[in-house]
Amino acid sequence: MSSQVRTIEILTPRCMVCGDNTLMTVDAERYVAWKDGMLIQDAFSELSRDQAELIKTGTHGECWNKMFGNSDDE
């Protein structure tokens, strides 16, 4: 049995601010687990909040900051 991580490329949803999509490479098993209902922070625990948000909603970190301000102050 191979322990090699299989990855897939996903196209994120369109960002509601800039209108762009992003192509990301993610672990295939984790992506399926998230699509099957696992919380994104559990499925992709190694990703930053910005990366997880990008997968979930397509919103880029910079675009999020344009809408809501910088969240680094939390």
PDB file of N, CA and C in Angstrom:
ATOM      1  N   MET A   1       0.845  -1.182   0.000  1.00  0.00           N
ATOM      2  CA  MET A   1       0.000   0.000   0.000  1.00  0.00           C
ATOM      3  C   MET A   1       0.893   1.250   0.000  1.00  0.00           C
ATOM      4  N   SER A   2       0.623   2.176  -0.856  1.00  0.00           N
ATOM      5  CA  SER A   2       1.437   3.373  -1.003  1.00  0.00           C
ATOM      6  C   SER A   2       0.998   4.448  -0.021  1.00  0.00           C
ATOM      7  N   SER A   3       1.984   5.148   0.557  1.00  0.00           N
ATOM      8  CA  SER A   3       1.679   6.257   1.452  1.00  0.00           C
ATOM      9  C   SER A   3       1.838   7.592   0.722  1.00  0.00           C
ATOM     10  N   GLN A   4       1.932   7.531  -0.577  1.00  0.00           N
ATOM     11  CA  GLN A   4       2.100   8.728  -1.389  1.00  0.00           C
ATOM     12  C   GLN A   4       0.817   9.557  -1.374  1.00  0.00           C
ATOM     13  N   VAL A   5       0.977  10.845  -1.176  1.00  0.00           N
ATOM     14  CA  VAL A   5      -0.155  11.766  -1.168  1.00  0.00           C
ATOM     15  C   VAL A   5      -0.572  12.042  -2.608  1.00  0.00           C
ATOM     16  N   ARG A   6      -1.841  11.844  -2.885  1.00  0.00           N
ATOM     17  CA  ARG A   6      -2.372  12.170  -4.211  1.00  0.00           C
ATOM     18  C   ARG A   6      -2.991  13.553  -4.152  1.00  0.00           C
ATOM     19  N   THR A   7      -2.660  14.352  -5.121  1.00  0.00           N
ATOM     20  CA  THR A   7      -3.199  15.707  -5.166  1.00  0.00           C
ATOM     21  C   THR A   7      -4.099  15.877  -6.378  1.00  0.00           C
ATOM     22  N   ILE A   8      -4.956  16.868  -6.274  1.00  0.00           N
ATOM     23  CA  ILE A   8      -5.817  17.251  -7.389  1.00  0.00           C
ATOM     24  C   ILE A   8      -5.766  18.770  -7.522  1.00  0.00           C
ATOM     25  N   GLU A   9      -6.063  19.247  -8.697  1.00  0.00           N
ATOM     26  CA  GLU A   9      -6.192  20.679  -8.919  1.00  0.00           C
ATOM     27  C   GLU A   9      -7.665  21.031  -8.866  1.00  0.00           C
ATOM     28  N   ILE A  10      -7.972  22.076  -8.110  1.00  0.00           N
ATOM     29  CA  ILE A  10      -9.362  22.542  -8.027  1.00  0.00           C
ATOM     30  C   ILE A  10      -9.415  23.999  -8.475  1.00  0.00           C
ATOM     31  N   LEU A  11     -10.517  24.373  -9.041  1.00  0.00           N
ATOM     32  CA  LEU A  11     -10.771  25.764  -9.402  1.00  0.00           C
ATOM     33  C   LEU A  11     -11.707  26.314  -8.343  1.00  0.00           C
ATOM     34  N   THR A  12     -11.252  27.322  -7.625  1.00  0.00           N
ATOM     35  CA  THR A  12     -12.058  27.879  -6.545  1.00  0.00           C
ATOM     36  C   THR A  12     -13.287  28.598  -7.110  1.00  0.00           C
ATOM     37  N   PRO A  13     -14.270  28.842  -6.255  1.00  0.00           N
ATOM     38  CA  PRO A  13     -15.393  29.679  -6.706  1.00  0.00           C
ATOM     39  C   PRO A  13     -14.868  31.059  -7.117  1.00  0.00           C
ATOM     40  N   ARG A  14     -15.671  31.781  -7.855  1.00  0.00           N
ATOM     41  CA  ARG A  14     -15.301  33.128  -8.303  1.00  0.00           C
ATOM     42  C   ARG A  14     -15.349  34.083  -7.107  1.00  0.00           C
ATOM     43  N   CYS A  15     -14.291  34.866  -6.931  1.00  0.00           N
ATOM     44  CA  CYS A  15     -14.227  35.850  -5.856  1.00  0.00           C
ATOM     45  C   CYS A  15     -15.285  36.925  -6.087  1.00  0.00           C
ATOM     46  N   MET A  16     -16.053  37.216  -5.050  1.00  0.00           N
ATOM     47  CA  MET A  16     -17.129  38.200  -5.202  1.00  0.00           C
ATOM     48  C   MET A  16     -16.609  39.633  -5.282  1.00  0.00           C
ATOM     49  N   VAL A  17     -15.336  39.854  -4.974  1.00  0.00           N
ATOM     50  CA  VAL A  17     -14.776  41.200  -5.017  1.00  0.00           C
ATOM     51  C   VAL A  17     -14.106  41.469  -6.358  1.00  0.00           C
ATOM     52  N   CYS A  18     -13.150  40.615  -6.740  1.00  0.00           N
ATOM     53  CA  CYS A  18     -12.388  40.872  -7.965  1.00  0.00           C
ATOM     54  C   CYS A  18     -12.874  40.059  -9.160  1.00  0.00           C
ATOM     55  N   GLY A  19     -13.678  39.030  -8.910  1.00  0.00           N
ATOM     56  CA  GLY A  19     -14.231  38.232  -9.995  1.00  0.00           C
ATOM     57  C   GLY A  19     -13.329  37.132 -10.523  1.00  0.00           C
ATOM     58  N   ASP A  20     -12.154  36.950  -9.903  1.00  0.00           N
ATOM     59  CA  ASP A  20     -11.214  35.927 -10.372  1.00  0.00           C
ATOM     60  C   ASP A  20     -11.443  34.583  -9.683  1.00  0.00           C
ATOM     61  N   ASN A  21     -11.104  33.516 -10.395  1.00  0.00           N
ATOM     62  CA  ASN A  21     -11.016  32.181  -9.811  1.00  0.00           C
ATOM     63  C   ASN A  21      -9.542  31.906  -9.577  1.00  0.00           C
ATOM     64  N   THR A  22      -9.262  30.930  -8.720  1.00  0.00           N
ATOM     65  CA  THR A  22      -7.881  30.538  -8.451  1.00  0.00           C
ATOM     66  C   THR A  22      -7.760  29.034  -8.622  1.00  0.00           C
ATOM     67  N   LEU A  23      -6.694  28.590  -9.259  1.00  0.00           N
ATOM     68  CA  LEU A  23      -6.409  27.170  -9.401  1.00  0.00           C
ATOM     69  C   LEU A  23      -5.489  26.778  -8.256  1.00  0.00           C
ATOM     70  N   MET A  24      -5.914  25.787  -7.468  1.00  0.00           N
ATOM     71  CA  MET A  24      -5.138  25.342  -6.315  1.00  0.00           C
ATOM     72  C   MET A  24      -4.897  23.843  -6.407  1.00  0.00           C
ATOM     73  N   THR A  25      -3.778  23.401  -5.865  1.00  0.00           N
ATOM     74  CA  THR A  25      -3.471  21.986  -5.755  1.00  0.00           C
ATOM     75  C   THR A  25      -3.654  21.590  -4.299  1.00  0.00           C
ATOM     76  N   VAL A  26      -4.503  20.575  -4.071  1.00  0.00           N
ATOM     77  CA  VAL A  26      -4.803  20.138  -2.703  1.00  0.00           C
ATOM     78  C   VAL A  26      -4.730  18.620  -2.620  1.00  0.00           C
ATOM     79  N   ASP A  27      -4.630  18.119  -1.406  1.00  0.00           N
ATOM     80  CA  ASP A  27      -4.655  16.683  -1.147  1.00  0.00           C
ATOM     81  C   ASP A  27      -6.034  16.145  -1.516  1.00  0.00           C
ATOM     82  N   ALA A  28      -6.074  15.129  -2.360  1.00  0.00           N
ATOM     83  CA  ALA A  28      -7.346  14.603  -2.877  1.00  0.00           C
ATOM     84  C   ALA A  28      -8.222  14.029  -1.768  1.00  0.00           C
ATOM     85  N   GLU A  29      -7.643  13.262  -0.840  1.00  0.00           N
ATOM     86  CA  GLU A  29      -8.437  12.661   0.232  1.00  0.00           C
ATOM     87  C   GLU A  29      -9.023  13.717   1.158  1.00  0.00           C
ATOM     88  N   ARG A  30      -8.238  14.736   1.460  1.00  0.00           N
ATOM     89  CA  ARG A  30      -8.737  15.811   2.328  1.00  0.00           C
ATOM     90  C   ARG A  30      -9.849  16.587   1.639  1.00  0.00           C
ATOM     91  N   TYR A  31      -9.712  16.806   0.341  1.00  0.00           N
ATOM     92  CA  TYR A  31     -10.743  17.521  -0.403  1.00  0.00           C
ATOM     93  C   TYR A  31     -12.056  16.739  -0.382  1.00  0.00           C
ATOM     94  N   VAL A  32     -11.990  15.439  -0.603  1.00  0.00           N
ATOM     95  CA  VAL A  32     -13.189  14.598  -0.571  1.00  0.00           C
ATOM     96  C   VAL A  32     -13.804  14.616   0.821  1.00  0.00           C
ATOM     97  N   ALA A  33     -12.957  14.544   1.851  1.00  0.00           N
ATOM     98  CA  ALA A  33     -13.469  14.575   3.231  1.00  0.00           C
ATOM     99  C   ALA A  33     -14.211  15.880   3.490  1.00  0.00           C
ATOM    100  N   TRP A  34     -13.665  17.003   3.021  1.00  0.00           N
ATOM    101  CA  TRP A  34     -14.336  18.293   3.195  1.00  0.00           C
ATOM    102  C   TRP A  34     -15.656  18.326   2.425  1.00  0.00           C
ATOM    103  N   LYS A  35     -15.645  17.878   1.188  1.00  0.00           N
ATOM    104  CA  LYS A  35     -16.873  17.867   0.385  1.00  0.00           C
ATOM    105  C   LYS A  35     -17.928  16.950   0.993  1.00  0.00           C
ATOM    106  N   ASP A  36     -17.484  15.918   1.726  1.00  0.00           N
ATOM    107  CA  ASP A  36     -18.415  14.986   2.377  1.00  0.00           C
ATOM    108  C   ASP A  36     -18.895  15.489   3.733  1.00  0.00           C
ATOM    109  N   GLY A  37     -18.469  16.694   4.143  1.00  0.00           N
ATOM    110  CA  GLY A  37     -19.013  17.281   5.360  1.00  0.00           C
ATOM    111  C   GLY A  37     -18.043  17.596   6.479  1.00  0.00           C
ATOM    112  N   MET A  38     -16.772  17.218   6.337  1.00  0.00           N
ATOM    113  CA  MET A  38     -15.802  17.555   7.378  1.00  0.00           C
ATOM    114  C   MET A  38     -15.595  19.071   7.380  1.00  0.00           C
ATOM    115  N   LEU A  39     -15.427  19.641   8.553  1.00  0.00           N
ATOM    116  CA  LEU A  39     -15.138  21.070   8.642  1.00  0.00           C
ATOM    117  C   LEU A  39     -13.844  21.375   7.904  1.00  0.00           C
ATOM    118  N   ILE A  40     -13.812  22.493   7.201  1.00  0.00           N
ATOM    119  CA  ILE A  40     -12.649  22.812   6.379  1.00  0.00           C
ATOM    120  C   ILE A  40     -11.389  22.954   7.218  1.00  0.00           C
ATOM    121  N   GLN A  41     -11.510  23.486   8.436  1.00  0.00           N
ATOM    122  CA  GLN A  41     -10.331  23.648   9.286  1.00  0.00           C
ATOM    123  C   GLN A  41      -9.790  22.305   9.772  1.00  0.00           C
ATOM    124  N   ASP A  42     -10.632  21.275   9.783  1.00  0.00           N
ATOM    125  CA  ASP A  42     -10.174  19.932  10.137  1.00  0.00           C
ATOM    126  C   ASP A  42      -9.617  19.201   8.916  1.00  0.00           C
ATOM    127  N   ALA A  43     -10.287  19.343   7.798  1.00  0.00           N
ATOM    128  CA  ALA A  43      -9.838  18.670   6.574  1.00  0.00           C
ATOM    129  C   ALA A  43      -8.518  19.239   6.071  1.00  0.00           C
ATOM    130  N   PHE A  44      -8.344  20.536   6.207  1.00  0.00           N
ATOM    131  CA  PHE A  44      -7.149  21.220   5.702  1.00  0.00           C
ATOM    132  C   PHE A  44      -6.440  21.962   6.829  1.00  0.00           C
ATOM    133  N   SER A  45      -6.131  21.262   7.892  1.00  0.00           N
ATOM    134  CA  SER A  45      -5.540  21.904   9.076  1.00  0.00           C
ATOM    135  C   SER A  45      -4.199  22.577   8.788  1.00  0.00           C
ATOM    136  N   GLU A  46      -3.521  22.169   7.733  1.00  0.00           N
ATOM    137  CA  GLU A  46      -2.219  22.750   7.401  1.00  0.00           C
ATOM    138  C   GLU A  46      -2.327  24.063   6.643  1.00  0.00           C
ATOM    139  N   LEU A  47      -3.513  24.417   6.175  1.00  0.00           N
ATOM    140  CA  LEU A  47      -3.681  25.641   5.396  1.00  0.00           C
ATOM    141  C   LEU A  47      -3.925  26.845   6.294  1.00  0.00           C
ATOM    142  N   SER A  48      -3.541  28.013   5.810  1.00  0.00           N
ATOM    143  CA  SER A  48      -3.838  29.259   6.522  1.00  0.00           C
ATOM    144  C   SER A  48      -5.336  29.555   6.395  1.00  0.00           C
ATOM    145  N   ARG A  49      -5.804  30.491   7.207  1.00  0.00           N
ATOM    146  CA  ARG A  49      -7.218  30.893   7.107  1.00  0.00           C
ATOM    147  C   ARG A  49      -7.527  31.456   5.724  1.00  0.00           C
ATOM    148  N   ASP A  50      -6.583  32.215   5.170  1.00  0.00           N
ATOM    149  CA  ASP A  50      -6.784  32.781   3.835  1.00  0.00           C
ATOM    150  C   ASP A  50      -6.927  31.684   2.779  1.00  0.00           C
ATOM    151  N   GLN A  51      -6.092  30.652   2.872  1.00  0.00           N
ATOM    152  CA  GLN A  51      -6.153  29.558   1.902  1.00  0.00           C
ATOM    153  C   GLN A  51      -7.458  28.777   2.045  1.00  0.00           C
ATOM    154  N   ALA A  52      -7.875  28.527   3.271  1.00  0.00           N
ATOM    155  CA  ALA A  52      -9.133  27.807   3.493  1.00  0.00           C
ATOM    156  C   ALA A  52     -10.322  28.617   2.970  1.00  0.00           C
ATOM    157  N   GLU A  53     -10.306  29.916   3.213  1.00  0.00           N
ATOM    158  CA  GLU A  53     -11.378  30.786   2.721  1.00  0.00           C
ATOM    159  C   GLU A  53     -11.410  30.786   1.202  1.00  0.00           C
ATOM    160  N   LEU A  54     -10.249  30.765   0.595  1.00  0.00           N
ATOM    161  CA  LEU A  54     -10.163  30.737  -0.865  1.00  0.00           C
ATOM    162  C   LEU A  54     -10.818  29.475  -1.421  1.00  0.00           C
ATOM    163  N   ILE A  55     -10.560  28.332  -0.798  1.00  0.00           N
ATOM    164  CA  ILE A  55     -11.173  27.082  -1.240  1.00  0.00           C
ATOM    165  C   ILE A  55     -12.687  27.126  -1.047  1.00  0.00           C
ATOM    166  N   LYS A  56     -13.112  27.617   0.100  1.00  0.00           N
ATOM    167  CA  LYS A  56     -14.534  27.585   0.470  1.00  0.00           C
ATOM    168  C   LYS A  56     -15.376  28.597  -0.315  1.00  0.00           C
ATOM    169  N   THR A  57     -14.902  29.849  -0.400  1.00  0.00           N
ATOM    170  CA  THR A  57     -15.738  30.899  -0.992  1.00  0.00           C
ATOM    171  C   THR A  57     -15.129  31.559  -2.217  1.00  0.00           C
ATOM    172  N   GLY A  58     -13.830  31.318  -2.457  1.00  0.00           N
ATOM    173  CA  GLY A  58     -13.161  31.967  -3.573  1.00  0.00           C
ATOM    174  C   GLY A  58     -12.630  33.348  -3.241  1.00  0.00           C
ATOM    175  N   THR A  59     -12.860  33.810  -2.010  1.00  0.00           N
ATOM    176  CA  THR A  59     -12.447  35.156  -1.623  1.00  0.00           C
ATOM    177  C   THR A  59     -10.964  35.177  -1.266  1.00  0.00           C
ATOM    178  N   HIS A  60     -10.212  36.006  -1.965  1.00  0.00           N
ATOM    179  CA  HIS A  60      -8.780  36.163  -1.704  1.00  0.00           C
ATOM    180  C   HIS A  60      -8.585  36.943  -0.404  1.00  0.00           C
ATOM    181  N   GLY A  61      -7.469  36.714   0.269  1.00  0.00           N
ATOM    182  CA  GLY A  61      -7.181  37.428   1.509  1.00  0.00           C
ATOM    183  C   GLY A  61      -7.211  38.937   1.337  1.00  0.00           C
ATOM    184  N   GLU A  62      -6.620  39.425   0.259  1.00  0.00           N
ATOM    185  CA  GLU A  62      -6.607  40.868  -0.003  1.00  0.00           C
ATOM    186  C   GLU A  62      -8.017  41.398  -0.254  1.00  0.00           C
ATOM    187  N   CYS A  63      -8.826  40.608  -0.944  1.00  0.00           N
ATOM    188  CA  CYS A  63     -10.203  41.021  -1.222  1.00  0.00           C
ATOM    189  C   CYS A  63     -11.022  41.030   0.066  1.00  0.00           C
ATOM    190  N   TRP A  64     -10.790  40.034   0.944  1.00  0.00           N
ATOM    191  CA  TRP A  64     -11.462  39.992   2.249  1.00  0.00           C
ATOM    192  C   TRP A  64     -11.144  41.270   3.033  1.00  0.00           C
ATOM    193  N   ASN A  65      -9.863  41.656   3.015  1.00  0.00           N
ATOM    194  CA  ASN A  65      -9.459  42.863   3.737  1.00  0.00           C
ATOM    195  C   ASN A  65     -10.102  44.115   3.163  1.00  0.00           C
ATOM    196  N   LYS A  66     -10.312  44.140   1.849  1.00  0.00           N
ATOM    197  CA  LYS A  66     -11.002  45.281   1.239  1.00  0.00           C
ATOM    198  C   LYS A  66     -12.435  45.375   1.741  1.00  0.00           C
ATOM    199  N   MET A  67     -13.077  44.215   1.942  1.00  0.00           N
ATOM    200  CA  MET A  67     -14.471  44.204   2.397  1.00  0.00           C
ATOM    201  C   MET A  67     -14.594  44.474   3.894  1.00  0.00           C
ATOM    202  N   PHE A  68     -13.734  43.853   4.702  1.00  0.00           N
ATOM    203  CA  PHE A  68     -13.932  43.833   6.151  1.00  0.00           C
ATOM    204  C   PHE A  68     -12.779  44.416   6.963  1.00  0.00           C
ATOM    205  N   GLY A  69     -11.709  44.838   6.323  1.00  0.00           N
ATOM    206  CA  GLY A  69     -10.544  45.306   7.051  1.00  0.00           C
ATOM    207  C   GLY A  69      -9.610  44.162   7.359  1.00  0.00           C
ATOM    208  N   ASN A  70      -8.431  44.481   7.824  1.00  0.00           N
ATOM    209  CA  ASN A  70      -7.421  43.465   8.117  1.00  0.00           C
ATOM    210  C   ASN A  70      -7.764  42.739   9.410  1.00  0.00           C
ATOM    211  N   SER A  71      -7.787  41.406   9.380  1.00  0.00           N
ATOM    212  CA  SER A  71      -8.155  40.618  10.550  1.00  0.00           C
ATOM    213  C   SER A  71      -6.928  40.180  11.359  1.00  0.00           C
ATOM    214  N   ASP A  72      -5.735  40.674  11.026  1.00  0.00           N
ATOM    215  CA  ASP A  72      -4.529  40.295  11.761  1.00  0.00           C
ATOM    216  C   ASP A  72      -4.521  40.836  13.182  1.00  0.00           C
ATOM    217  N   ASP A  73      -5.419  41.759  13.496  1.00  0.00           N
ATOM    218  CA  ASP A  73      -5.471  42.373  14.819  1.00  0.00           C
ATOM    219  C   ASP A  73      -6.135  41.481  15.849  1.00  0.00           C
ATOM    220  N   GLU A  74      -6.718  40.367  15.434  1.00  0.00           N
ATOM    221  CA  GLU A  74      -7.454  39.487  16.358  1.00  0.00           C
ATOM    222  C   GLU A  74      -6.543  38.808  17.328  1.00  0.00           C
TER     223      GLU A  74
END
